[in-house]
């Protein structure tokens, strides 16, 4: 894995650390269903990107 991919993984992991608690909070207090869907989609997209980066070692 090259430097650029490692840096991207770092950025994605930091983003996921912020998004996962927000998703849990949004599920606990479902005021805005659109926000819940948006957070789920964003997390899924980031996790797909992580899988792609890891598989392209």
C-alpha atoms as a PDB file:
ATOM      1  CA  UNK A   1       0.000   0.000   0.000  1.00  0.00           C
ATOM      2  CA  UNK A   2       1.438   3.342  -1.010  1.00  0.00           C
ATOM      3  CA  UNK A   3       1.616   6.528   1.060  1.00  0.00           C
ATOM      4  CA  UNK A   4      -1.405   8.086  -0.606  1.00  0.00           C
ATOM      5  CA  UNK A   5      -3.620   5.080   0.166  1.00  0.00           C
ATOM      6  CA  UNK A   6      -2.456   4.974   3.791  1.00  0.00           C
ATOM      7  CA  UNK A   7      -3.213   8.668   4.192  1.00  0.00           C
ATOM      8  CA  UNK A   8      -6.669   8.188   2.658  1.00  0.00           C
ATOM      9  CA  UNK A   9      -7.338   5.292   5.065  1.00  0.00           C
ATOM     10  CA  UNK A  10      -6.357   7.550   7.972  1.00  0.00           C
ATOM     11  CA  UNK A  11      -8.741  10.260   6.811  1.00  0.00           C
ATOM     12  CA  UNK A  12     -11.581   7.785   6.296  1.00  0.00           C
ATOM     13  CA  UNK A  13     -11.066   6.184   9.706  1.00  0.00           C
ATOM     14  CA  UNK A  14     -11.151   9.585  11.412  1.00  0.00           C
ATOM     15  CA  UNK A  15     -14.368  10.439   9.563  1.00  0.00           C
ATOM     16  CA  UNK A  16     -15.925   7.122  10.565  1.00  0.00           C
ATOM     17  CA  UNK A  17     -15.040   7.763  14.218  1.00  0.00           C
ATOM     18  CA  UNK A  18     -17.164  10.909  14.047  1.00  0.00           C
ATOM     19  CA  UNK A  19     -20.003   9.518  11.932  1.00  0.00           C
ATOM     20  CA  UNK A  20     -20.698   6.304  13.862  1.00  0.00           C
ATOM     21  CA  UNK A  21     -21.647   8.047  17.141  1.00  0.00           C
ATOM     22  CA  UNK A  22     -23.734  10.548  15.179  1.00  0.00           C
ATOM     23  CA  UNK A  23     -25.565   7.658  13.536  1.00  0.00           C
ATOM     24  CA  UNK A  24     -26.198   6.013  16.901  1.00  0.00           C
ATOM     25  CA  UNK A  25     -27.544   9.293  18.277  1.00  0.00           C
ATOM     26  CA  UNK A  26     -29.696   9.814  15.235  1.00  0.00           C
ATOM     27  CA  UNK A  27     -31.163   6.329  15.631  1.00  0.00           C
ATOM     28  CA  UNK A  28     -31.877   6.943  19.315  1.00  0.00           C
ATOM     29  CA  UNK A  29     -33.630  10.222  18.570  1.00  0.00           C
ATOM     30  CA  UNK A  30     -35.046   9.926  15.081  1.00  0.00           C
ATOM     31  CA  UNK A  31     -36.144  13.523  14.521  1.00  0.00           C
ATOM     32  CA  UNK A  32     -35.061  13.640  10.900  1.00  0.00           C
ATOM     33  CA  UNK A  33     -35.300  10.387   8.907  1.00  0.00           C
ATOM     34  CA  UNK A  34     -33.426  12.015   6.012  1.00  0.00           C
ATOM     35  CA  UNK A  35     -30.404  12.597   8.258  1.00  0.00           C
ATOM     36  CA  UNK A  36     -30.458   8.960   9.360  1.00  0.00           C
ATOM     37  CA  UNK A  37     -30.488   7.774   5.733  1.00  0.00           C
ATOM     38  CA  UNK A  38     -27.734  10.244   4.779  1.00  0.00           C
ATOM     39  CA  UNK A  39     -25.473   9.097   7.623  1.00  0.00           C
ATOM     40  CA  UNK A  40     -26.043   5.422   6.780  1.00  0.00           C
ATOM     41  CA  UNK A  41     -25.246   6.066   3.117  1.00  0.00           C
ATOM     42  CA  UNK A  42     -22.095   8.033   3.919  1.00  0.00           C
ATOM     43  CA  UNK A  43     -20.803   5.353   6.299  1.00  0.00           C
ATOM     44  CA  UNK A  44     -21.534   2.605   3.770  1.00  0.00           C
ATOM     45  CA  UNK A  45     -19.711   4.522   1.023  1.00  0.00           C
ATOM     46  CA  UNK A  46     -16.677   5.085   3.250  1.00  0.00           C
ATOM     47  CA  UNK A  47     -16.595   1.432   4.287  1.00  0.00           C
ATOM     48  CA  UNK A  48     -16.702   0.376   0.610  1.00  0.00           C
ATOM     49  CA  UNK A  49     -13.774   2.687  -0.087  1.00  0.00           C
ATOM     50  CA  UNK A  50     -11.821   1.184   2.831  1.00  0.00           C
ATOM     51  CA  UNK A  51     -12.452  -2.308   1.458  1.00  0.00           C
ATOM     52  CA  UNK A  52     -11.267  -1.228  -2.003  1.00  0.00           C
ATOM     53  CA  UNK A  53      -8.108   0.347  -0.600  1.00  0.00           C
ATOM     54  CA  UNK A  54      -7.298  -2.691   1.514  1.00  0.00           C
ATOM     55  CA  UNK A  55      -7.894  -5.122  -1.338  1.00  0.00           C
ATOM     56  CA  UNK A  56      -5.625  -3.182  -3.691  1.00  0.00           C
ATOM     57  CA  UNK A  57      -2.517  -3.700  -1.555  1.00  0.00           C
END
